[in-house]
Amino acid sequence: MMRIDAVWLALGASDLRGGIDSLLALVLRAFAGGAQPHHAYVFANRRADRLKVLVYDGVGMWLCTRRLQAASFAWPREGAGTLALTREQLEWLVMGLRWQRIARAQPSPITVI
């Protein structure tokens, strides 16, 4: 499977109607160096009931989607800034759980913006 060393959240709402190219354009605007190998970039729509994850594995791009039918993801609504998540918090986010309730005193944080 894919190795993911860092996960970056695009805070606020993103337009998820496009595919890899439109999401990659958002990554290129946000990061001057472009997409980094083994990094994942996570986007949510306005209602936060859909996520798209763009992963660069060093050779090509992967696009993963997740949709909740009767709920929404606990998505940060801030427009900009940085945020650190642990691996467990990221797993909770993807499952639609309130990841903010997990203690932050765990080792190996994933940097998220």
Protein backbone atom coordinates (compact mmCIF):
# COMPACT_ATOMS: atom_id res chain seq x y z
CA MET A 1 0.00 0.00 0.00
CA MET A 2 0.88 3.65 0.00
CA ARG A 3 3.26 5.15 2.53
CA ILE A 4 1.95 8.42 3.99
CA ASP A 5 4.39 10.47 6.05
CA ALA A 6 2.34 13.67 6.44
CA VAL A 7 -1.30 14.67 6.07
CA TRP A 8 -2.41 18.19 5.20
CA LEU A 9 -5.99 19.38 5.76
CA ALA A 10 -7.33 22.17 3.56
CA LEU A 11 -9.21 24.08 6.27
CA GLY A 12 -12.64 25.42 5.40
CA ALA A 13 -14.72 24.19 2.46
CA SER A 14 -13.36 23.09 -0.92
CA ASP A 15 -15.10 22.59 -4.25
CA LEU A 16 -15.05 18.80 -4.68
CA ARG A 17 -16.84 18.66 -8.04
CA GLY A 18 -13.54 18.38 -9.90
CA GLY A 19 -11.08 15.54 -9.89
CA ILE A 20 -7.36 15.13 -9.39
CA ASP A 21 -6.37 18.09 -11.56
CA SER A 22 -8.51 20.68 -9.75
CA LEU A 23 -7.44 19.44 -6.31
CA LEU A 24 -3.80 19.35 -7.39
CA ALA A 25 -4.17 22.99 -8.49
CA LEU A 26 -5.26 23.84 -4.92
CA VAL A 27 -2.20 22.03 -3.55
CA LEU A 28 0.10 23.88 -5.97
CA ARG A 29 -1.37 27.22 -4.88
CA ALA A 30 -0.99 26.42 -1.20
CA PHE A 31 2.51 24.91 -1.41
CA ALA A 32 5.16 26.64 -3.51
CA GLY A 33 7.10 23.39 -3.85
CA GLY A 34 4.06 21.47 -5.10
CA ALA A 35 2.92 18.06 -3.91
CA GLN A 36 5.50 16.22 -1.85
CA PRO A 37 6.10 12.45 -2.13
CA HIS A 38 4.27 10.39 0.50
CA HIS A 39 2.05 13.29 1.55
CA ALA A 40 -1.75 13.24 1.64
CA TYR A 41 -3.92 16.33 1.11
CA VAL A 42 -7.45 16.16 2.57
CA PHE A 43 -10.37 18.31 1.36
CA ALA A 44 -14.02 18.55 2.49
CA ASN A 45 -17.08 20.08 0.87
CA ARG A 46 -19.20 22.86 2.42
CA ARG A 47 -21.55 20.44 4.26
CA ALA A 48 -18.56 18.34 5.39
CA ASP A 49 -20.34 15.12 4.39
CA ARG A 50 -17.72 14.32 1.71
CA LEU A 51 -13.95 14.05 1.85
CA LYS A 52 -11.44 13.71 -0.96
CA VAL A 53 -7.87 12.70 -0.23
CA LEU A 54 -5.16 13.34 -2.79
CA VAL A 55 -2.01 11.25 -2.21
CA TYR A 56 1.26 11.60 -4.09
CA ASP A 57 3.22 8.34 -3.80
CA GLY A 58 6.32 9.68 -5.57
CA VAL A 59 5.30 8.23 -8.95
CA GLY A 60 1.68 9.27 -9.46
CA MET A 61 -1.41 10.67 -7.78
CA TRP A 62 -4.12 8.70 -5.98
CA LEU A 63 -7.59 10.13 -5.34
CA CYS A 64 -9.66 8.61 -2.54
CA THR A 65 -13.19 9.67 -1.63
CA ARG A 66 -15.36 9.12 1.43
CA ARG A 67 -19.00 10.07 1.83
CA LEU A 68 -21.21 9.93 4.91
CA GLN A 69 -24.87 9.25 4.22
CA ALA A 70 -26.55 10.59 7.37
CA ALA A 71 -23.91 12.67 9.14
CA SER A 72 -20.99 15.00 8.56
CA PHE A 73 -17.28 14.89 9.31
CA ALA A 74 -15.95 16.85 12.29
CA TRP A 75 -14.25 19.30 9.93
CA PRO A 76 -12.42 22.41 11.19
CA ARG A 77 -14.21 25.51 9.86
CA GLU A 78 -11.25 27.90 10.15
CA GLY A 79 -10.26 29.56 6.90
CA ALA A 80 -6.47 29.36 7.34
CA GLY A 81 -3.77 28.31 9.77
CA THR A 82 -2.07 25.14 10.90
CA LEU A 83 -3.22 22.23 13.00
CA ALA A 84 -1.47 19.05 14.19
CA LEU A 85 -3.31 15.72 14.31
CA THR A 86 -2.13 12.38 15.63
CA ARG A 87 -2.64 9.27 13.52
CA GLU A 88 -5.52 8.22 15.79
CA GLN A 89 -7.22 11.61 15.34
CA LEU A 90 -6.92 11.28 11.56
CA GLU A 91 -8.50 7.82 11.70
CA TRP A 92 -11.38 9.21 13.78
CA LEU A 93 -11.88 12.08 11.31
CA VAL A 94 -12.18 9.66 8.38
CA MET A 95 -14.69 7.54 10.33
CA GLY A 96 -16.82 10.62 11.01
CA LEU A 97 -16.08 10.66 14.74
CA ARG A 98 -15.27 13.72 16.89
CA TRP A 99 -11.48 13.49 16.68
CA GLN A 100 -11.05 16.66 18.79
CA ARG A 101 -11.97 14.63 21.90
CA ILE A 102 -8.84 12.46 21.71
CA ALA A 103 -6.01 13.60 23.96
CA ARG A 104 -3.24 15.43 22.10
CA ALA A 105 -0.43 14.05 24.30
CA GLN A 106 0.29 11.16 21.93
CA PRO A 107 3.60 10.73 20.07
CA SER A 108 4.23 11.06 16.29
CA PRO A 109 1.89 13.90 15.29
CA ILE A 110 0.91 14.46 11.68
CA THR A 111 1.18 18.09 10.64
CA VAL A 112 -2.05 19.37 9.17
CA ILE A 113 -2.94 22.68 7.59
